[in-house]
């Protein structure tokens, strides 16, 4: 049974929201790393915790629209959730040690690319030729 158009639209919207939140995280990180706005670290932390919840919602939606997705996007979003949990853990661990921070930054870059890929795949699903 195919999911409703509303559910598919909600999934696509959440995909784009996640990508925006990751981009916002990079902007906030730049503000506090540069010393321009030290308080941005607190907002960065709040957005990270919010992002975990949004990615969890994204996973539920991805599972609900799994019949529609030819890319198996629920698996991609599950991997994104695992990376998000690791990223949040590294962020908290980076308060006391430098190695987690050294891993946190490149993982954040990878998460941005990965979330962008999920958004693009979700967007082009409807444009693919019909299944036979």
C-alpha atoms as a PDB file:
ATOM      1  CA  UNK A   1       0.000   0.000   0.000  1.00  0.00           C
ATOM      2  CA  UNK A   2       1.374   3.369  -1.030  1.00  0.00           C
ATOM      3  CA  UNK A   3       1.618   6.039   1.701  1.00  0.00           C
ATOM      4  CA  UNK A   4      -0.446   9.224   1.396  1.00  0.00           C
ATOM      5  CA  UNK A   5       0.905  12.279  -0.420  1.00  0.00           C
ATOM      6  CA  UNK A   6       0.710  14.175   2.878  1.00  0.00           C
ATOM      7  CA  UNK A   7       2.983  11.685   4.602  1.00  0.00           C
ATOM      8  CA  UNK A   8       5.447  11.819   1.712  1.00  0.00           C
ATOM      9  CA  UNK A   9       5.423  15.636   1.797  1.00  0.00           C
ATOM     10  CA  UNK A  10       5.994  15.598   5.559  1.00  0.00           C
ATOM     11  CA  UNK A  11       8.959  13.270   5.095  1.00  0.00           C
ATOM     12  CA  UNK A  12      10.477  15.499   2.405  1.00  0.00           C
ATOM     13  CA  UNK A  13       9.960  18.582   4.571  1.00  0.00           C
ATOM     14  CA  UNK A  14      11.670  16.967   7.553  1.00  0.00           C
ATOM     15  CA  UNK A  15      14.567  15.893   5.298  1.00  0.00           C
ATOM     16  CA  UNK A  16      15.083  19.507   4.269  1.00  0.00           C
ATOM     17  CA  UNK A  17      14.707  20.699   7.881  1.00  0.00           C
ATOM     18  CA  UNK A  18      17.448  18.319   9.016  1.00  0.00           C
ATOM     19  CA  UNK A  19      19.796  19.603   6.306  1.00  0.00           C
ATOM     20  CA  UNK A  20      19.041  23.181   7.390  1.00  0.00           C
ATOM     21  CA  UNK A  21      19.743  22.320  11.049  1.00  0.00           C
ATOM     22  CA  UNK A  22      23.112  20.797  10.120  1.00  0.00           C
ATOM     23  CA  UNK A  23      24.007  23.956   8.180  1.00  0.00           C
ATOM     24  CA  UNK A  24      22.892  26.067  11.151  1.00  0.00           C
ATOM     25  CA  UNK A  25      25.184  23.987  13.375  1.00  0.00           C
ATOM     26  CA  UNK A  26      28.169  24.816  11.172  1.00  0.00           C
ATOM     27  CA  UNK A  27      27.306  28.523  11.321  1.00  0.00           C
ATOM     28  CA  UNK A  28      26.976  28.438  15.118  1.00  0.00           C
ATOM     29  CA  UNK A  29      30.236  26.506  15.462  1.00  0.00           C
ATOM     30  CA  UNK A  30      31.984  29.136  13.367  1.00  0.00           C
ATOM     31  CA  UNK A  31      30.677  31.872  15.650  1.00  0.00           C
ATOM     32  CA  UNK A  32      32.040  30.381  18.851  1.00  0.00           C
ATOM     33  CA  UNK A  33      35.240  28.866  17.431  1.00  0.00           C
ATOM     34  CA  UNK A  34      36.202  32.246  15.995  1.00  0.00           C
ATOM     35  CA  UNK A  35      35.545  33.863  19.354  1.00  0.00           C
ATOM     36  CA  UNK A  36      33.023  36.195  17.716  1.00  0.00           C
ATOM     37  CA  UNK A  37      30.164  34.994  19.910  1.00  0.00           C
ATOM     38  CA  UNK A  38      31.153  32.601  22.688  1.00  0.00           C
ATOM     39  CA  UNK A  39      27.492  32.152  23.783  1.00  0.00           C
ATOM     40  CA  UNK A  40      26.745  30.465  20.434  1.00  0.00           C
ATOM     41  CA  UNK A  41      28.052  27.218  21.953  1.00  0.00           C
ATOM     42  CA  UNK A  42      24.915  27.057  24.120  1.00  0.00           C
ATOM     43  CA  UNK A  43      22.656  27.472  21.079  1.00  0.00           C
ATOM     44  CA  UNK A  44      24.804  24.891  19.227  1.00  0.00           C
ATOM     45  CA  UNK A  45      24.099  22.436  22.049  1.00  0.00           C
ATOM     46  CA  UNK A  46      20.343  23.133  21.988  1.00  0.00           C
ATOM     47  CA  UNK A  47      20.195  22.707  18.210  1.00  0.00           C
ATOM     48  CA  UNK A  48      22.122  19.412  18.513  1.00  0.00           C
ATOM     49  CA  UNK A  49      19.583  18.058  20.989  1.00  0.00           C
ATOM     50  CA  UNK A  50      16.707  19.302  18.832  1.00  0.00           C
ATOM     51  CA  UNK A  51      18.294  17.743  15.782  1.00  0.00           C
ATOM     52  CA  UNK A  52      18.372  14.346  17.485  1.00  0.00           C
ATOM     53  CA  UNK A  53      14.594  14.532  17.972  1.00  0.00           C
ATOM     54  CA  UNK A  54      13.998  15.768  14.404  1.00  0.00           C
ATOM     55  CA  UNK A  55      16.138  12.956  12.929  1.00  0.00           C
ATOM     56  CA  UNK A  56      14.193  10.476  15.063  1.00  0.00           C
ATOM     57  CA  UNK A  57      10.958  11.871  13.568  1.00  0.00           C
ATOM     58  CA  UNK A  58      12.585  11.668  10.125  1.00  0.00           C
ATOM     59  CA  UNK A  59      13.312   7.980  10.726  1.00  0.00           C
ATOM     60  CA  UNK A  60       9.709   7.259  11.730  1.00  0.00           C
ATOM     61  CA  UNK A  61       8.452   9.062   8.612  1.00  0.00           C
ATOM     62  CA  UNK A  62      11.028   7.289   6.423  1.00  0.00           C
ATOM     63  CA  UNK A  63       9.788   3.961   7.747  1.00  0.00           C
ATOM     64  CA  UNK A  64       6.164   4.931   7.094  1.00  0.00           C
ATOM     65  CA  UNK A  65       6.925   5.880   3.459  1.00  0.00           C
ATOM     66  CA  UNK A  66       9.274   2.946   2.822  1.00  0.00           C
ATOM     67  CA  UNK A  67       6.954   1.477   0.146  1.00  0.00           C
ATOM     68  CA  UNK A  68       7.244   4.739  -1.819  1.00  0.00           C
ATOM     69  CA  UNK A  69      11.033   5.009  -1.605  1.00  0.00           C
ATOM     70  CA  UNK A  70      13.100   3.107  -4.131  1.00  0.00           C
ATOM     71  CA  UNK A  71      16.305   4.247  -2.425  1.00  0.00           C
ATOM     72  CA  UNK A  72      15.486   2.546   0.889  1.00  0.00           C
ATOM     73  CA  UNK A  73      15.713   5.927   2.579  1.00  0.00           C
ATOM     74  CA  UNK A  74      14.760   4.554   5.979  1.00  0.00           C
ATOM     75  CA  UNK A  75      18.159   2.782   6.061  1.00  0.00           C
ATOM     76  CA  UNK A  76      19.954   6.010   5.103  1.00  0.00           C
ATOM     77  CA  UNK A  77      18.093   7.911   7.827  1.00  0.00           C
ATOM     78  CA  UNK A  78      18.901   5.182  10.360  1.00  0.00           C
ATOM     79  CA  UNK A  79      22.589   5.682   9.536  1.00  0.00           C
ATOM     80  CA  UNK A  80      22.096   9.447   9.892  1.00  0.00           C
ATOM     81  CA  UNK A  81      20.579   8.902  13.343  1.00  0.00           C
ATOM     82  CA  UNK A  82      23.582   6.788  14.399  1.00  0.00           C
ATOM     83  CA  UNK A  83      25.956   9.505  13.158  1.00  0.00           C
ATOM     84  CA  UNK A  84      23.897  12.184  14.928  1.00  0.00           C
ATOM     85  CA  UNK A  85      24.139  10.299  18.214  1.00  0.00           C
ATOM     86  CA  UNK A  86      27.901   9.872  17.753  1.00  0.00           C
ATOM     87  CA  UNK A  87      28.253  13.552  16.835  1.00  0.00           C
ATOM     88  CA  UNK A  88      26.379  14.662  19.936  1.00  0.00           C
ATOM     89  CA  UNK A  89      28.506  12.392  22.113  1.00  0.00           C
ATOM     90  CA  UNK A  90      31.700  13.747  20.569  1.00  0.00           C
ATOM     91  CA  UNK A  91      30.452  17.285  21.134  1.00  0.00           C
ATOM     92  CA  UNK A  92      29.920  16.668  24.844  1.00  0.00           C
ATOM     93  CA  UNK A  93      33.212  14.748  25.172  1.00  0.00           C
ATOM     94  CA  UNK A  94      35.000  17.627  23.436  1.00  0.00           C
ATOM     95  CA  UNK A  95      34.403  19.839  26.444  1.00  0.00           C
ATOM     96  CA  UNK A  96      37.165  17.999  28.304  1.00  0.00           C
ATOM     97  CA  UNK A  97      39.451  16.627  25.577  1.00  0.00           C
ATOM     98  CA  UNK A  98      40.702  17.746  22.171  1.00  0.00           C
ATOM     99  CA  UNK A  99      40.568  14.409  20.289  1.00  0.00           C
ATOM    100  CA  UNK A 100      36.740  14.287  20.269  1.00  0.00           C
ATOM    101  CA  UNK A 101      36.689  17.818  18.845  1.00  0.00           C
ATOM    102  CA  UNK A 102      39.131  16.761  16.134  1.00  0.00           C
ATOM    103  CA  UNK A 103      36.659  14.003  15.176  1.00  0.00           C
ATOM    104  CA  UNK A 104      33.551  16.175  15.713  1.00  0.00           C
ATOM    105  CA  UNK A 105      34.370  18.675  12.963  1.00  0.00           C
ATOM    106  CA  UNK A 106      34.933  16.258  10.037  1.00  0.00           C
ATOM    107  CA  UNK A 107      31.984  14.114  11.128  1.00  0.00           C
ATOM    108  CA  UNK A 108      29.845  17.258  11.032  1.00  0.00           C
ATOM    109  CA  UNK A 109      30.987  17.931   7.473  1.00  0.00           C
ATOM    110  CA  UNK A 110      30.168  14.335   6.525  1.00  0.00           C
ATOM    111  CA  UNK A 111      26.739  14.575   8.190  1.00  0.00           C
ATOM    112  CA  UNK A 112      26.002  17.705   6.168  1.00  0.00           C
ATOM    113  CA  UNK A 113      26.805  15.927   2.900  1.00  0.00           C
ATOM    114  CA  UNK A 114      24.882  12.840   3.977  1.00  0.00           C
ATOM    115  CA  UNK A 115      21.788  14.809   4.989  1.00  0.00           C
ATOM    116  CA  UNK A 116      21.962  16.747   1.725  1.00  0.00           C
ATOM    117  CA  UNK A 117      22.124  13.466  -0.192  1.00  0.00           C
ATOM    118  CA  UNK A 118      19.038  12.180   1.653  1.00  0.00           C
ATOM    119  CA  UNK A 119      17.190  15.429   0.849  1.00  0.00           C
ATOM    120  CA  UNK A 120      18.091  15.179  -2.825  1.00  0.00           C
ATOM    121  CA  UNK A 121      17.092  11.518  -3.042  1.00  0.00           C
ATOM    122  CA  UNK A 122      13.768  12.262  -1.328  1.00  0.00           C
ATOM    123  CA  UNK A 123      13.178  15.124  -3.758  1.00  0.00           C
ATOM    124  CA  UNK A 124      13.850  13.125  -6.917  1.00  0.00           C
ATOM    125  CA  UNK A 125      11.894   9.999  -5.955  1.00  0.00           C
ATOM    126  CA  UNK A 126       8.769  11.315  -7.737  1.00  0.00           C
ATOM    127  CA  UNK A 127      10.747  12.163 -10.854  1.00  0.00           C
ATOM    128  CA  UNK A 128      11.993   8.627 -11.449  1.00  0.00           C
ATOM    129  CA  UNK A 129      10.284   6.539 -14.136  1.00  0.00           C
ATOM    130  CA  UNK A 130       7.327   4.503 -12.928  1.00  0.00           C
ATOM    131  CA  UNK A 131       8.019   1.024 -11.580  1.00  0.00           C
ATOM    132  CA  UNK A 132       6.977  -1.873 -13.745  1.00  0.00           C
END
